[in-house]
Amino acid sequence: SIALQSDGKILVGGVFTTLGGQPRNRIGRLSPEGVLELLFNPGADNIVYCLVQQSDAKILVGGLFTTLGGQSRSYLGRLNSDGTLDATFSPGPNSRILSLALQTDGKVLVGGRFTTLGGQARSYIGQLNQDGTLINTFNPAADNYVHALAVQPDGKILAAGDFSTLGGLT
C-alpha cells in the first residue's frame, strides 16, 4: 500500500522487512524525495494492506497484523503522526482489513474479510466514526470479501471484491 500524506511524505506498507536499506517491519515513511524517515518506525508483525491519513494527521493502518507499534492491535489500528500507536482507537475487527477510505465528513469506510466490527456483526464492510466507534446505521452487508473502497466526489461509495450482493442487491 502507498498513501500520500498532506505534507508530501509517502507512507508505504506491505510484506517487506527492510526499506531504504534499513530494518522496517511492513510499514515505513519516506520523504517526498524518497528518503527513509529514520524516526518513523512503528512496525507491524504481519502484512499491511492499506494506509490512510486522517485530517488530524493520524494514520489508519489495516492488514493481517496482530501487533502494531509494538502493542497488541489486531487487523486495524491508528498511529499518531510520529508513528506511535493511538491507544484510543480500537474498533476490533475479527479478521483482516483489506481496504480503507475516508469520507469528506471524516467517517472511515472499512472493507475486508471480517464479520464483526466494533463488537457488532458486520459482513465485510463497515463504517466508523473518526474515534473508531461503529456507525450502526451503515450496514450494506456484502456476501463476501471487500477488497477495495473509494468515495466519489458526490459522496457515493464504490466497493469492489469477491461479493455478488451488496446492500441487498445483486
Protein backbone atom coordinates (compact mmCIF):
# COMPACT_ATOMS: atom_id res chain seq x y z
CA SER A 1 0.00 0.00 0.00
CA ILE A 2 1.08 3.55 -0.66
CA ALA A 3 -0.52 6.69 0.76
CA LEU A 4 0.50 10.29 0.21
CA GLN A 5 0.35 12.45 3.33
CA SER A 6 -0.78 16.07 3.24
CA ASP A 7 2.83 17.22 3.85
CA GLY A 8 4.06 15.25 0.81
CA LYS A 9 5.57 12.39 2.79
CA ILE A 10 4.89 8.88 1.50
CA LEU A 11 3.55 6.08 3.68
CA VAL A 12 4.33 2.56 2.49
CA GLY A 13 3.01 -0.74 3.77
CA GLY A 14 3.31 -4.34 2.65
CA VAL A 15 5.21 -7.54 3.38
CA PHE A 16 8.75 -6.07 3.49
CA THR A 17 11.17 -6.20 6.42
CA THR A 18 13.65 -3.66 5.03
CA LEU A 19 13.07 -0.29 3.42
CA GLY A 20 15.72 2.11 2.19
CA GLY A 21 18.36 -0.34 3.38
CA GLN A 22 17.08 -0.18 6.99
CA PRO A 23 15.02 -2.66 9.02
CA ARG A 24 11.33 -1.81 8.74
CA ASN A 25 8.57 -4.28 9.55
CA ARG A 26 5.88 -3.85 6.92
CA ILE A 27 5.38 -0.09 7.36
CA GLY A 28 7.55 2.95 6.81
CA ARG A 29 7.56 6.56 5.70
CA LEU A 30 9.61 8.29 3.01
CA SER A 31 10.32 11.94 2.38
CA PRO A 32 8.87 13.43 -0.83
CA GLU A 33 12.29 12.71 -2.37
CA GLY A 34 12.07 9.01 -1.41
CA VAL A 35 14.47 9.05 1.57
CA LEU A 36 13.53 6.82 4.52
CA GLU A 37 12.38 8.72 7.61
CA LEU A 38 14.50 7.14 10.34
CA LEU A 39 12.41 8.22 13.34
CA PHE A 40 9.15 6.75 11.96
CA ASN A 41 9.30 3.03 12.74
CA PRO A 42 6.05 1.68 14.20
CA GLY A 43 6.36 -1.87 12.84
CA ALA A 44 3.67 -4.48 12.26
CA ASP A 45 4.01 -8.22 12.77
CA ASN A 46 2.27 -9.15 9.51
CA ILE A 47 1.07 -7.70 6.20
CA VAL A 48 -0.11 -4.08 5.94
CA TYR A 49 -2.70 -3.90 3.16
CA CYS A 50 -3.93 -0.32 3.46
CA LEU A 51 -2.96 3.09 4.83
CA VAL A 52 -4.90 6.34 5.05
CA GLN A 53 -4.07 9.67 6.68
CA GLN A 54 -6.91 11.39 8.52
CA SER A 55 -7.35 15.17 8.53
CA ASP A 56 -5.78 15.32 12.02
CA ALA A 57 -2.59 13.70 10.58
CA LYS A 58 -3.26 10.39 12.34
CA ILE A 59 -2.67 7.32 10.18
CA LEU A 60 -5.13 4.44 9.80
CA VAL A 61 -3.49 1.07 9.17
CA GLY A 62 -5.28 -2.07 8.04
CA GLY A 63 -3.96 -5.54 7.37
CA LEU A 64 -3.32 -9.02 8.72
CA PHE A 65 -1.25 -7.95 11.74
CA THR A 66 -1.94 -8.59 15.43
CA THR A 67 0.76 -6.21 16.68
CA LEU A 68 1.18 -2.59 15.56
CA GLY A 69 3.52 -0.03 17.06
CA GLY A 70 4.82 -2.65 19.49
CA GLN A 71 1.40 -3.20 21.05
CA SER A 72 -1.45 -5.64 20.56
CA ARG A 73 -3.77 -4.39 17.83
CA SER A 74 -5.48 -6.86 15.50
CA TYR A 75 -6.12 -6.02 11.85
CA LEU A 76 -6.94 -2.31 12.25
CA GLY A 77 -5.16 0.39 14.19
CA ARG A 78 -4.30 4.05 14.16
CA LEU A 79 -0.92 5.68 14.54
CA ASN A 80 -0.16 9.16 15.75
CA SER A 81 1.78 11.25 13.24
CA ASP A 82 5.06 10.25 14.95
CA GLY A 83 4.35 6.53 14.44
CA THR A 84 3.28 5.68 17.98
CA LEU A 85 0.09 3.68 18.44
CA ASP A 86 -3.06 5.68 19.23
CA ALA A 87 -4.42 3.54 22.08
CA THR A 88 -7.82 5.29 21.96
CA PHE A 89 -8.68 3.76 18.55
CA SER A 90 -9.67 0.08 18.78
CA PRO A 91 -12.64 -0.98 16.63
CA GLY A 92 -11.66 -4.67 16.93
CA PRO A 93 -12.46 -6.39 13.63
CA ASN A 94 -12.27 -10.19 13.82
CA SER A 95 -10.28 -10.66 10.60
CA ARG A 96 -8.08 -8.89 8.09
CA ILE A 97 -8.74 -5.41 6.76
CA LEU A 98 -8.10 -5.06 3.03
CA SER A 99 -9.29 -1.52 2.29
CA LEU A 100 -9.86 1.82 4.00
CA ALA A 101 -11.37 5.03 2.64
CA LEU A 102 -12.21 8.37 4.22
CA GLN A 103 -15.44 10.21 3.59
CA THR A 104 -15.46 14.00 3.43
CA ASP A 105 -17.08 14.20 6.90
CA GLY A 106 -14.21 12.16 8.37
CA LYS A 107 -16.07 8.88 8.65
CA VAL A 108 -13.97 5.81 7.91
CA LEU A 109 -15.05 3.10 5.49
CA VAL A 110 -13.60 -0.33 6.22
CA GLY A 111 -13.57 -3.34 3.89
CA GLY A 112 -12.09 -6.79 4.28
CA ARG A 113 -12.70 -10.34 5.44
CA PHE A 114 -14.24 -9.52 8.84
CA THR A 115 -17.70 -10.47 10.12
CA THR A 116 -17.61 -8.34 13.26
CA LEU A 117 -16.51 -4.73 13.71
CA GLY A 118 -16.88 -2.56 16.79
CA GLY A 119 -18.36 -5.53 18.65
CA GLN A 120 -21.24 -5.84 16.18
CA ALA A 121 -21.98 -8.14 13.26
CA ARG A 122 -20.77 -6.59 10.00
CA SER A 123 -20.35 -8.58 6.81
CA TYR A 124 -17.12 -7.47 5.14
CA ILE A 125 -17.89 -3.73 5.06
CA GLY A 126 -18.50 -1.17 7.77
CA GLN A 127 -18.31 2.50 8.69
CA LEU A 128 -16.65 4.07 11.72
CA ASN A 129 -16.67 7.47 13.31
CA GLN A 130 -13.28 9.22 13.48
CA ASP A 131 -12.82 7.88 17.01
CA GLY A 132 -13.24 4.27 15.85
CA THR A 133 -16.76 3.69 17.12
CA LEU A 134 -19.10 1.79 14.82
CA ILE A 135 -21.85 3.64 12.94
CA ASN A 136 -24.86 1.37 13.44
CA THR A 137 -26.95 2.81 10.60
CA PHE A 138 -24.43 1.75 7.92
CA ASN A 139 -24.71 -1.97 7.20
CA PRO A 140 -24.82 -2.84 3.47
CA ALA A 141 -23.75 -6.44 4.23
CA ALA A 142 -21.68 -7.84 1.39
CA ASP A 143 -21.91 -11.59 0.91
CA ASN A 144 -18.14 -11.98 0.51
CA TYR A 145 -14.84 -10.12 0.91
CA VAL A 146 -14.49 -6.41 0.11
CA HIS A 147 -11.04 -5.68 -1.37
CA ALA A 148 -11.31 -2.02 -2.40
CA LEU A 149 -13.27 1.08 -1.41
CA ALA A 150 -13.39 4.59 -2.84
CA VAL A 151 -15.55 7.64 -2.28
CA GLN A 152 -16.74 9.60 -5.30
CA PRO A 153 -16.87 13.43 -5.24
CA ASP A 154 -20.68 13.23 -4.84
CA GLY A 155 -20.22 11.09 -1.69
CA LYS A 156 -21.30 7.81 -3.25
CA ILE A 157 -19.25 4.80 -2.24
CA LEU A 158 -17.61 2.40 -4.68
CA ALA A 159 -16.79 -1.13 -3.49
CA ALA A 160 -15.00 -3.98 -5.22
CA GLY A 161 -14.34 -7.52 -4.10
CA ASP A 162 -15.44 -11.13 -4.22
CA PHE A 163 -19.06 -10.36 -3.33
CA SER A 164 -22.07 -10.86 -5.61
CA THR A 165 -24.55 -8.98 -3.43
CA LEU A 166 -24.14 -5.70 -1.56
CA GLY A 167 -26.85 -3.75 0.20
CA GLY A 168 -29.33 -6.49 -0.67
CA LEU A 169 -28.80 -6.06 -4.42
CA THR A 170 -27.00 -8.26 -6.91
